[in-house]
């Protein structure tokens, strides 16, 4: 965890120096740049190094090979200064729907912060949210339940096992929470809730043995994952999610949800990375990490 009391800023997260491309670079050259360096986007700069736009892999799919970067790029690109705080970076990434945010000084990119850069810190457990409620509310939440977000994925199976071990150690209730989404023309509230409850029950059966002694409450809520989980965090002692939390039941995987939860949750957040093996019926050791 990040024990520095000061907020993380762009300079702490950015990749620098940043790989850029000229505006006349053809599509194959831009694609080769992204693939060879394992990146999803790159700033397009003029001869003086000033930012013109941002080109990413989505712009390259289906485009003409003769199309230069200047035609493929997004021109209206949000940027950050080296001292821009993390929460502002996340807000700008989400508002723009881009994969990365150039960090500029006098219009010249000096670094770049991608969603992956933020998620890498999340997966390491290095990002701890700043409470956005009163100290009395935070203190009162310490005796609350452990809430775990469940989306039916293998990641949520690991998160459930971790959360169950933490709840047993703290002697508190475990709330397994799934978000059913928002009704539309193709599904009623009752149908969404029924399908979500079935998936939640199936995930619990996969994650925990039948004789598990953890006190578990299964909870299904309608709505969008972010506000529902943030609301649940207000009464929780701990919020547990996987590092690839799904943005809604059956929806696409978006790392942005996990990053936003870290920034907005009202209690400590534990992100269980994909590479961590959490055994069935584990216990939590003195360091707070589940062990067999």
C-alpha atoms as a PDB file:
ATOM      1  CA  UNK A   1       0.000   0.000   0.000  1.00  0.00           C
ATOM      2  CA  UNK A   2       1.020   3.580  -0.597  1.00  0.00           C
ATOM      3  CA  UNK A   3       1.892   4.959   2.840  1.00  0.00           C
ATOM      4  CA  UNK A   4       2.808   8.405   1.539  1.00  0.00           C
ATOM      5  CA  UNK A   5       0.179  10.771   2.978  1.00  0.00           C
ATOM      6  CA  UNK A   6       0.423  13.007  -0.059  1.00  0.00           C
ATOM      7  CA  UNK A   7      -1.794  12.283  -3.093  1.00  0.00           C
ATOM      8  CA  UNK A   8      -0.271  10.586  -6.113  1.00  0.00           C
ATOM      9  CA  UNK A   9       0.220  12.896  -9.063  1.00  0.00           C
ATOM     10  CA  UNK A  10       0.878  12.512 -12.772  1.00  0.00           C
ATOM     11  CA  UNK A  11       4.647  12.589 -12.297  1.00  0.00           C
ATOM     12  CA  UNK A  12       4.379   9.553  -9.977  1.00  0.00           C
ATOM     13  CA  UNK A  13       2.421   7.469 -12.487  1.00  0.00           C
ATOM     14  CA  UNK A  14       3.555   8.551 -15.942  1.00  0.00           C
ATOM     15  CA  UNK A  15       5.794   6.702 -18.357  1.00  0.00           C
ATOM     16  CA  UNK A  16       8.640   8.978 -19.417  1.00  0.00           C
ATOM     17  CA  UNK A  17      10.121   9.637 -21.910  1.00  0.00           C
ATOM     18  CA  UNK A  18       7.024   9.178 -24.020  1.00  0.00           C
ATOM     19  CA  UNK A  19       6.968   7.528 -27.454  1.00  0.00           C
ATOM     20  CA  UNK A  20       5.486   9.855 -30.067  1.00  0.00           C
ATOM     21  CA  UNK A  21       4.743   9.741 -33.776  1.00  0.00           C
ATOM     22  CA  UNK A  22       4.849  12.481 -36.461  1.00  0.00           C
ATOM     23  CA  UNK A  23       1.596  13.508 -38.160  1.00  0.00           C
ATOM     24  CA  UNK A  24       2.672  12.114 -41.548  1.00  0.00           C
ATOM     25  CA  UNK A  25       3.484   8.611 -40.262  1.00  0.00           C
ATOM     26  CA  UNK A  26       1.386   6.059 -42.194  1.00  0.00           C
ATOM     27  CA  UNK A  27      -0.897   3.556 -40.499  1.00  0.00           C
ATOM     28  CA  UNK A  28       1.547   0.594 -40.729  1.00  0.00           C
ATOM     29  CA  UNK A  29       4.317   2.629 -39.078  1.00  0.00           C
ATOM     30  CA  UNK A  30       2.044   3.736 -36.244  1.00  0.00           C
ATOM     31  CA  UNK A  31       0.822   0.174 -35.753  1.00  0.00           C
ATOM     32  CA  UNK A  32       4.418  -1.088 -35.658  1.00  0.00           C
ATOM     33  CA  UNK A  33       5.260   1.500 -32.977  1.00  0.00           C
ATOM     34  CA  UNK A  34       2.378   0.418 -30.748  1.00  0.00           C
ATOM     35  CA  UNK A  35       2.938  -3.315 -31.221  1.00  0.00           C
ATOM     36  CA  UNK A  36       6.710  -3.283 -30.825  1.00  0.00           C
ATOM     37  CA  UNK A  37       6.538  -1.384 -27.526  1.00  0.00           C
ATOM     38  CA  UNK A  38       3.389  -3.019 -26.155  1.00  0.00           C
ATOM     39  CA  UNK A  39       1.455   0.252 -25.852  1.00  0.00           C
ATOM     40  CA  UNK A  40      -2.124   1.112 -26.814  1.00  0.00           C
ATOM     41  CA  UNK A  41      -1.708   4.762 -27.826  1.00  0.00           C
ATOM     42  CA  UNK A  42       0.852   7.405 -28.693  1.00  0.00           C
ATOM     43  CA  UNK A  43       0.813  11.219 -28.904  1.00  0.00           C
ATOM     44  CA  UNK A  44       1.116  12.790 -32.353  1.00  0.00           C
ATOM     45  CA  UNK A  45       3.503  15.754 -32.290  1.00  0.00           C
ATOM     46  CA  UNK A  46       4.676  18.395 -34.765  1.00  0.00           C
ATOM     47  CA  UNK A  47       8.266  19.157 -35.725  1.00  0.00           C
ATOM     48  CA  UNK A  48       8.672  21.212 -32.538  1.00  0.00           C
ATOM     49  CA  UNK A  49       7.469  18.366 -30.331  1.00  0.00           C
ATOM     50  CA  UNK A  50       4.136  20.056 -29.550  1.00  0.00           C
ATOM     51  CA  UNK A  51       1.073  17.888 -29.049  1.00  0.00           C
ATOM     52  CA  UNK A  52      -1.347  17.649 -31.976  1.00  0.00           C
ATOM     53  CA  UNK A  53      -3.479  14.705 -30.918  1.00  0.00           C
ATOM     54  CA  UNK A  54      -3.508  11.098 -29.756  1.00  0.00           C
ATOM     55  CA  UNK A  55      -3.683   7.952 -31.875  1.00  0.00           C
ATOM     56  CA  UNK A  56      -4.552   4.576 -30.404  1.00  0.00           C
ATOM     57  CA  UNK A  57      -5.096   1.031 -31.581  1.00  0.00           C
ATOM     58  CA  UNK A  58      -8.819   1.548 -32.101  1.00  0.00           C
ATOM     59  CA  UNK A  59      -8.066   4.210 -34.715  1.00  0.00           C
ATOM     60  CA  UNK A  60      -5.921   1.761 -36.687  1.00  0.00           C
ATOM     61  CA  UNK A  61      -8.427  -1.066 -37.039  1.00  0.00           C
ATOM     62  CA  UNK A  62     -10.148  -0.892 -40.416  1.00  0.00           C
ATOM     63  CA  UNK A  63      -8.301   2.249 -41.536  1.00  0.00           C
ATOM     64  CA  UNK A  64      -6.592   2.656 -44.897  1.00  0.00           C
ATOM     65  CA  UNK A  65      -2.869   1.865 -44.935  1.00  0.00           C
ATOM     66  CA  UNK A  66      -2.176   5.169 -46.642  1.00  0.00           C
ATOM     67  CA  UNK A  67      -3.907   7.159 -43.922  1.00  0.00           C
ATOM     68  CA  UNK A  68      -1.390   9.239 -41.918  1.00  0.00           C
ATOM     69  CA  UNK A  69      -1.480   9.665 -38.170  1.00  0.00           C
ATOM     70  CA  UNK A  70      -2.898  13.187 -38.615  1.00  0.00           C
ATOM     71  CA  UNK A  71      -6.067  11.686 -40.116  1.00  0.00           C
ATOM     72  CA  UNK A  72      -6.340   8.844 -37.619  1.00  0.00           C
ATOM     73  CA  UNK A  73      -5.717  10.734 -34.382  1.00  0.00           C
ATOM     74  CA  UNK A  74      -8.164  12.281 -31.934  1.00  0.00           C
ATOM     75  CA  UNK A  75      -7.479  16.004 -31.906  1.00  0.00           C
ATOM     76  CA  UNK A  76      -9.388  17.034 -28.799  1.00  0.00           C
ATOM     77  CA  UNK A  77      -7.240  15.299 -26.194  1.00  0.00           C
ATOM     78  CA  UNK A  78      -7.397  15.946 -22.435  1.00  0.00           C
ATOM     79  CA  UNK A  79      -3.991  16.494 -20.890  1.00  0.00           C
ATOM     80  CA  UNK A  80      -2.429  16.747 -17.465  1.00  0.00           C
ATOM     81  CA  UNK A  81       0.414  18.693 -15.916  1.00  0.00           C
ATOM     82  CA  UNK A  82       3.093  16.845 -13.918  1.00  0.00           C
ATOM     83  CA  UNK A  83       1.398  17.920 -10.654  1.00  0.00           C
ATOM     84  CA  UNK A  84      -2.150  16.927 -11.640  1.00  0.00           C
ATOM     85  CA  UNK A  85      -3.566  14.645  -8.872  1.00  0.00           C
ATOM     86  CA  UNK A  86      -4.666  11.086  -9.523  1.00  0.00           C
ATOM     87  CA  UNK A  87      -8.402  11.659  -9.060  1.00  0.00           C
ATOM     88  CA  UNK A  88      -8.382  14.392 -11.710  1.00  0.00           C
ATOM     89  CA  UNK A  89      -6.480  12.107 -14.099  1.00  0.00           C
ATOM     90  CA  UNK A  90      -9.040   9.326 -13.637  1.00  0.00           C
ATOM     91  CA  UNK A  91     -11.933  11.746 -14.164  1.00  0.00           C
ATOM     92  CA  UNK A  92     -10.401  13.067 -17.404  1.00  0.00           C
ATOM     93  CA  UNK A  93      -9.671   9.582 -18.752  1.00  0.00           C
ATOM     94  CA  UNK A  94     -13.244   8.490 -18.123  1.00  0.00           C
ATOM     95  CA  UNK A  95     -14.848  11.656 -19.467  1.00  0.00           C
ATOM     96  CA  UNK A  96     -12.849  11.479 -22.703  1.00  0.00           C
ATOM     97  CA  UNK A  97     -13.040   7.694 -23.103  1.00  0.00           C
ATOM     98  CA  UNK A  98      -9.361   7.572 -24.030  1.00  0.00           C
ATOM     99  CA  UNK A  99      -6.834   4.951 -23.007  1.00  0.00           C
ATOM    100  CA  UNK A 100      -4.127   7.425 -22.062  1.00  0.00           C
ATOM    101  CA  UNK A 101      -3.546  10.995 -20.953  1.00  0.00           C
ATOM    102  CA  UNK A 102      -0.495  12.934 -22.181  1.00  0.00           C
ATOM    103  CA  UNK A 103       1.396  14.852 -19.503  1.00  0.00           C
ATOM    104  CA  UNK A 104       2.573  18.123 -21.017  1.00  0.00           C
ATOM    105  CA  UNK A 105       4.748  21.098 -20.188  1.00  0.00           C
ATOM    106  CA  UNK A 106       4.160  24.071 -22.506  1.00  0.00           C
ATOM    107  CA  UNK A 107       2.281  21.808 -24.974  1.00  0.00           C
ATOM    108  CA  UNK A 108       5.189  19.354 -25.204  1.00  0.00           C
ATOM    109  CA  UNK A 109       4.504  15.790 -23.967  1.00  0.00           C
ATOM    110  CA  UNK A 110       6.929  14.843 -21.188  1.00  0.00           C
ATOM    111  CA  UNK A 111       5.145  11.638 -20.215  1.00  0.00           C
ATOM    112  CA  UNK A 112       1.926   9.688 -20.553  1.00  0.00           C
ATOM    113  CA  UNK A 113      -0.418   8.088 -18.019  1.00  0.00           C
ATOM    114  CA  UNK A 114      -2.466   5.151 -19.273  1.00  0.00           C
ATOM    115  CA  UNK A 115      -5.294   3.233 -17.664  1.00  0.00           C
ATOM    116  CA  UNK A 116      -2.863   0.333 -17.389  1.00  0.00           C
ATOM    117  CA  UNK A 117      -0.410   2.502 -15.414  1.00  0.00           C
ATOM    118  CA  UNK A 118      -3.161   3.185 -12.871  1.00  0.00           C
ATOM    119  CA  UNK A 119      -4.357  -0.421 -12.757  1.00  0.00           C
ATOM    120  CA  UNK A 120      -0.809  -1.665 -12.241  1.00  0.00           C
ATOM    121  CA  UNK A 121      -0.715   0.326  -8.992  1.00  0.00           C
ATOM    122  CA  UNK A 122      -4.198  -0.917  -8.105  1.00  0.00           C
ATOM    123  CA  UNK A 123      -3.167  -4.547  -8.625  1.00  0.00           C
ATOM    124  CA  UNK A 124      -0.164  -4.038  -6.346  1.00  0.00           C
ATOM    125  CA  UNK A 125      -2.396  -2.610  -3.624  1.00  0.00           C
ATOM    126  CA  UNK A 126      -0.528   0.695  -3.767  1.00  0.00           C
ATOM    127  CA  UNK A 127      -3.521   2.987  -4.167  1.00  0.00           C
ATOM    128  CA  UNK A 128      -5.502   3.707  -1.024  1.00  0.00           C
ATOM    129  CA  UNK A 129      -8.576   5.960  -1.260  1.00  0.00           C
ATOM    130  CA  UNK A 130      -8.820   9.170   0.701  1.00  0.00           C
ATOM    131  CA  UNK A 131     -12.050   8.960   2.738  1.00  0.00           C
ATOM    132  CA  UNK A 132     -14.693  11.335   1.394  1.00  0.00           C
ATOM    133  CA  UNK A 133     -16.852  11.223   4.513  1.00  0.00           C
ATOM    134  CA  UNK A 134     -16.471  12.528   8.031  1.00  0.00           C
ATOM    135  CA  UNK A 135     -14.058  10.919  10.475  1.00  0.00           C
ATOM    136  CA  UNK A 136     -17.051   9.800  12.538  1.00  0.00           C
ATOM    137  CA  UNK A 137     -18.538   7.930   9.570  1.00  0.00           C
ATOM    138  CA  UNK A 138     -15.236   6.242   8.800  1.00  0.00           C
ATOM    139  CA  UNK A 139     -14.708   5.247  12.419  1.00  0.00           C
ATOM    140  CA  UNK A 140     -18.226   3.807  12.604  1.00  0.00           C
ATOM    141  CA  UNK A 141     -17.695   1.740   9.452  1.00  0.00           C
ATOM    142  CA  UNK A 142     -14.821  -0.233  10.976  1.00  0.00           C
ATOM    143  CA  UNK A 143     -17.260  -2.636  12.610  1.00  0.00           C
ATOM    144  CA  UNK A 144     -19.292  -3.027   9.440  1.00  0.00           C
ATOM    145  CA  UNK A 145     -19.337  -6.037   7.130  1.00  0.00           C
ATOM    146  CA  UNK A 146     -16.778  -7.018   4.533  1.00  0.00           C
ATOM    147  CA  UNK A 147     -18.414  -6.310   1.162  1.00  0.00           C
ATOM    148  CA  UNK A 148     -17.205  -8.163  -1.926  1.00  0.00           C
ATOM    149  CA  UNK A 149     -18.223  -7.275  -5.479  1.00  0.00           C
ATOM    150  CA  UNK A 150     -19.219 -10.379  -7.430  1.00  0.00           C
ATOM    151  CA  UNK A 151     -19.544 -10.396 -11.227  1.00  0.00           C
ATOM    152  CA  UNK A 152     -19.408 -14.125 -11.953  1.00  0.00           C
ATOM    153  CA  UNK A 153     -15.830 -14.090 -13.228  1.00  0.00           C
ATOM    154  CA  UNK A 154     -12.905 -16.188 -12.014  1.00  0.00           C
ATOM    155  CA  UNK A 155     -11.545 -13.003 -10.495  1.00  0.00           C
ATOM    156  CA  UNK A 156     -14.609 -12.640  -8.312  1.00  0.00           C
ATOM    157  CA  UNK A 157     -14.165 -16.253  -7.149  1.00  0.00           C
ATOM    158  CA  UNK A 158     -10.728 -15.282  -5.822  1.00  0.00           C
ATOM    159  CA  UNK A 159     -12.126 -12.062  -4.368  1.00  0.00           C
ATOM    160  CA  UNK A 160     -14.873 -14.019  -2.582  1.00  0.00           C
ATOM    161  CA  UNK A 161     -12.370 -16.403  -0.998  1.00  0.00           C
ATOM    162  CA  UNK A 162     -10.157 -13.524   0.125  1.00  0.00           C
ATOM    163  CA  UNK A 163     -13.124 -11.591   1.517  1.00  0.00           C
ATOM    164  CA  UNK A 164     -14.492 -14.650   3.350  1.00  0.00           C
ATOM    165  CA  UNK A 165     -11.137 -15.176   5.056  1.00  0.00           C
ATOM    166  CA  UNK A 166     -10.988 -11.504   6.046  1.00  0.00           C
ATOM    167  CA  UNK A 167     -14.558 -11.575   7.413  1.00  0.00           C
ATOM    168  CA  UNK A 168     -13.813 -14.667   9.507  1.00  0.00           C
ATOM    169  CA  UNK A 169     -10.700 -13.063  10.964  1.00  0.00           C
ATOM    170  CA  UNK A 170     -12.535  -9.817  11.816  1.00  0.00           C
ATOM    171  CA  UNK A 171     -15.595 -11.665  13.111  1.00  0.00           C
ATOM    172  CA  UNK A 172     -17.956  -9.714  10.868  1.00  0.00           C
ATOM    173  CA  UNK A 173     -20.563 -10.539   8.266  1.00  0.00           C
ATOM    174  CA  UNK A 174     -19.619 -11.074   4.611  1.00  0.00           C
ATOM    175  CA  UNK A 175     -21.897  -9.342   2.094  1.00  0.00           C
ATOM    176  CA  UNK A 176     -21.609 -10.842  -1.398  1.00  0.00           C
ATOM    177  CA  UNK A 177     -22.939  -8.065  -3.637  1.00  0.00           C
ATOM    178  CA  UNK A 178     -23.768  -8.285  -7.325  1.00  0.00           C
ATOM    179  CA  UNK A 179     -25.156  -5.515  -9.500  1.00  0.00           C
ATOM    180  CA  UNK A 180     -27.985  -6.543 -11.831  1.00  0.00           C
ATOM    181  CA  UNK A 181     -27.819  -3.536 -14.134  1.00  0.00           C
ATOM    182  CA  UNK A 182     -30.561  -1.217 -15.318  1.00  0.00           C
ATOM    183  CA  UNK A 183     -33.817  -2.471 -16.914  1.00  0.00           C
ATOM    184  CA  UNK A 184     -34.237  -1.822 -20.628  1.00  0.00           C
ATOM    185  CA  UNK A 185     -36.616  -2.844 -23.415  1.00  0.00           C
ATOM    186  CA  UNK A 186     -35.376  -6.423 -23.266  1.00  0.00           C
ATOM    187  CA  UNK A 187     -35.539  -7.131 -19.541  1.00  0.00           C
ATOM    188  CA  UNK A 188     -37.654  -6.277 -16.526  1.00  0.00           C
ATOM    189  CA  UNK A 189     -36.381  -5.588 -13.015  1.00  0.00           C
ATOM    190  CA  UNK A 190     -37.600  -8.978 -11.855  1.00  0.00           C
ATOM    191  CA  UNK A 191     -35.791 -10.775 -14.682  1.00  0.00           C
ATOM    192  CA  UNK A 192     -32.544  -8.912 -14.072  1.00  0.00           C
ATOM    193  CA  UNK A 193     -32.667  -9.602 -10.342  1.00  0.00           C
ATOM    194  CA  UNK A 194     -33.490 -13.275 -10.861  1.00  0.00           C
ATOM    195  CA  UNK A 195     -30.617 -13.819 -13.332  1.00  0.00           C
ATOM    196  CA  UNK A 196     -28.193 -11.917 -11.109  1.00  0.00           C
ATOM    197  CA  UNK A 197     -29.228 -13.912  -8.019  1.00  0.00           C
ATOM    198  CA  UNK A 198     -28.668 -17.181  -9.871  1.00  0.00           C
ATOM    199  CA  UNK A 199     -25.224 -16.121 -11.012  1.00  0.00           C
ATOM    200  CA  UNK A 200     -24.327 -14.907  -7.530  1.00  0.00           C
ATOM    201  CA  UNK A 201     -25.374 -18.227  -5.990  1.00  0.00           C
ATOM    202  CA  UNK A 202     -23.410 -20.160  -8.615  1.00  0.00           C
ATOM    203  CA  UNK A 203     -20.284 -18.081  -7.965  1.00  0.00           C
ATOM    204  CA  UNK A 204     -20.591 -18.647  -4.215  1.00  0.00           C
ATOM    205  CA  UNK A 205     -20.775 -22.406  -4.814  1.00  0.00           C
ATOM    206  CA  UNK A 206     -17.603 -22.252  -6.910  1.00  0.00           C
ATOM    207  CA  UNK A 207     -15.731 -20.085  -4.419  1.00  0.00           C
ATOM    208  CA  UNK A 208     -16.559 -21.553  -1.011  1.00  0.00           C
ATOM    209  CA  UNK A 209     -17.027 -25.081   0.373  1.00  0.00           C
ATOM    210  CA  UNK A 210     -20.523 -26.104   1.464  1.00  0.00           C
ATOM    211  CA  UNK A 211     -19.460 -26.323   5.089  1.00  0.00           C
ATOM    212  CA  UNK A 212     -17.926 -22.836   5.136  1.00  0.00           C
ATOM    213  CA  UNK A 213     -18.809 -21.187   8.445  1.00  0.00           C
ATOM    214  CA  UNK A 214     -18.675 -17.593   7.224  1.00  0.00           C
ATOM    215  CA  UNK A 215     -21.881 -15.618   7.825  1.00  0.00           C
ATOM    216  CA  UNK A 216     -22.837 -14.583   4.305  1.00  0.00           C
ATOM    217  CA  UNK A 217     -25.570 -12.277   3.043  1.00  0.00           C
ATOM    218  CA  UNK A 218     -26.315 -12.492  -0.680  1.00  0.00           C
ATOM    219  CA  UNK A 219     -27.350  -9.101  -2.018  1.00  0.00           C
ATOM    220  CA  UNK A 220     -28.559  -8.128  -5.488  1.00  0.00           C
ATOM    221  CA  UNK A 221     -29.037  -4.484  -6.418  1.00  0.00           C
ATOM    222  CA  UNK A 222     -30.287  -2.803  -9.562  1.00  0.00           C
ATOM    223  CA  UNK A 223     -28.217   0.040 -10.952  1.00  0.00           C
ATOM    224  CA  UNK A 224     -24.740   0.789 -12.240  1.00  0.00           C
ATOM    225  CA  UNK A 225     -21.771  -0.932 -10.574  1.00  0.00           C
ATOM    226  CA  UNK A 226     -19.816   2.169  -9.530  1.00  0.00           C
ATOM    227  CA  UNK A 227     -22.526   4.037  -7.553  1.00  0.00           C
ATOM    228  CA  UNK A 228     -23.869   0.796  -6.065  1.00  0.00           C
ATOM    229  CA  UNK A 229     -20.454  -0.340  -4.812  1.00  0.00           C
ATOM    230  CA  UNK A 230     -19.529   3.128  -3.558  1.00  0.00           C
ATOM    231  CA  UNK A 231     -22.833   3.297  -1.673  1.00  0.00           C
ATOM    232  CA  UNK A 232     -22.204  -0.142  -0.149  1.00  0.00           C
ATOM    233  CA  UNK A 233     -18.721   0.948   0.934  1.00  0.00           C
ATOM    234  CA  UNK A 234     -20.264   3.583   3.240  1.00  0.00           C
ATOM    235  CA  UNK A 235     -21.400   0.852   5.663  1.00  0.00           C
ATOM    236  CA  UNK A 236     -18.498  -1.539   5.127  1.00  0.00           C
ATOM    237  CA  UNK A 237     -15.291  -2.099   7.036  1.00  0.00           C
ATOM    238  CA  UNK A 238     -13.652  -3.318   3.820  1.00  0.00           C
ATOM    239  CA  UNK A 239     -14.554  -3.465   0.123  1.00  0.00           C
ATOM    240  CA  UNK A 240     -13.026  -6.313  -1.895  1.00  0.00           C
ATOM    241  CA  UNK A 241     -13.016  -6.521  -5.703  1.00  0.00           C
ATOM    242  CA  UNK A 242     -11.068  -8.317  -8.393  1.00  0.00           C
ATOM    243  CA  UNK A 243      -8.531  -6.472 -10.536  1.00  0.00           C
ATOM    244  CA  UNK A 244     -10.717  -6.987 -13.632  1.00  0.00           C
ATOM    245  CA  UNK A 245     -14.100  -6.129 -12.181  1.00  0.00           C
ATOM    246  CA  UNK A 246     -16.799  -6.334 -14.852  1.00  0.00           C
ATOM    247  CA  UNK A 247     -18.751  -3.129 -15.590  1.00  0.00           C
ATOM    248  CA  UNK A 248     -22.144  -4.723 -15.003  1.00  0.00           C
ATOM    249  CA  UNK A 249     -23.439  -8.291 -15.108  1.00  0.00           C
ATOM    250  CA  UNK A 250     -22.453  -9.834 -18.427  1.00  0.00           C
ATOM    251  CA  UNK A 251     -20.905  -6.572 -19.558  1.00  0.00           C
ATOM    252  CA  UNK A 252     -17.468  -5.769 -21.004  1.00  0.00           C
ATOM    253  CA  UNK A 253     -14.395  -5.844 -18.804  1.00  0.00           C
ATOM    254  CA  UNK A 254     -13.206  -2.341 -17.985  1.00  0.00           C
ATOM    255  CA  UNK A 255     -10.372  -1.714 -15.641  1.00  0.00           C
ATOM    256  CA  UNK A 256     -11.684   1.799 -15.174  1.00  0.00           C
ATOM    257  CA  UNK A 257     -14.283   0.548 -12.681  1.00  0.00           C
ATOM    258  CA  UNK A 258     -11.617  -0.739 -10.302  1.00  0.00           C
ATOM    259  CA  UNK A 259      -9.607   2.471 -10.643  1.00  0.00           C
ATOM    260  CA  UNK A 260     -12.667   4.603  -9.868  1.00  0.00           C
ATOM    261  CA  UNK A 261     -13.597   2.473  -6.869  1.00  0.00           C
ATOM    262  CA  UNK A 262     -10.167   3.062  -5.380  1.00  0.00           C
ATOM    263  CA  UNK A 263     -10.697   6.791  -5.760  1.00  0.00           C
ATOM    264  CA  UNK A 264     -14.286   7.057  -4.531  1.00  0.00           C
ATOM    265  CA  UNK A 265     -14.959   4.256  -2.034  1.00  0.00           C
ATOM    266  CA  UNK A 266     -15.673   5.335   1.546  1.00  0.00           C
ATOM    267  CA  UNK A 267     -13.737   2.518   3.172  1.00  0.00           C
ATOM    268  CA  UNK A 268     -10.434   0.732   2.513  1.00  0.00           C
ATOM    269  CA  UNK A 269     -10.399  -1.214  -0.776  1.00  0.00           C
ATOM    270  CA  UNK A 270      -8.600  -4.505  -1.422  1.00  0.00           C
ATOM    271  CA  UNK A 271      -7.998  -5.415  -5.072  1.00  0.00           C
ATOM    272  CA  UNK A 272      -7.232  -9.118  -5.515  1.00  0.00           C
ATOM    273  CA  UNK A 273      -4.877  -9.443  -8.538  1.00  0.00           C
ATOM    274  CA  UNK A 274      -5.353 -12.092 -11.205  1.00  0.00           C
ATOM    275  CA  UNK A 275      -2.027 -13.803 -10.518  1.00  0.00           C
ATOM    276  CA  UNK A 276      -2.763 -14.368  -6.806  1.00  0.00           C
ATOM    277  CA  UNK A 277      -3.948 -17.875  -5.886  1.00  0.00           C
ATOM    278  CA  UNK A 278      -6.408 -17.791  -2.993  1.00  0.00           C
ATOM    279  CA  UNK A 279      -7.052 -21.317  -1.681  1.00  0.00           C
ATOM    280  CA  UNK A 280     -10.462 -22.562  -0.602  1.00  0.00           C
ATOM    281  CA  UNK A 281     -11.245 -22.090   3.115  1.00  0.00           C
ATOM    282  CA  UNK A 282      -8.114 -20.031   3.642  1.00  0.00           C
ATOM    283  CA  UNK A 283      -7.352 -17.933   6.700  1.00  0.00           C
ATOM    284  CA  UNK A 284      -5.830 -14.500   6.939  1.00  0.00           C
ATOM    285  CA  UNK A 285      -2.317 -14.261   8.325  1.00  0.00           C
ATOM    286  CA  UNK A 286      -0.900 -11.513  10.567  1.00  0.00           C
ATOM    287  CA  UNK A 287       0.001  -9.414   7.528  1.00  0.00           C
ATOM    288  CA  UNK A 288      -3.589  -9.429   6.329  1.00  0.00           C
ATOM    289  CA  UNK A 289      -2.858 -11.747   3.373  1.00  0.00           C
ATOM    290  CA  UNK A 290      -4.857 -14.994   3.113  1.00  0.00           C
ATOM    291  CA  UNK A 291      -2.761 -18.123   3.552  1.00  0.00           C
ATOM    292  CA  UNK A 292      -3.686 -21.824   3.394  1.00  0.00           C
END
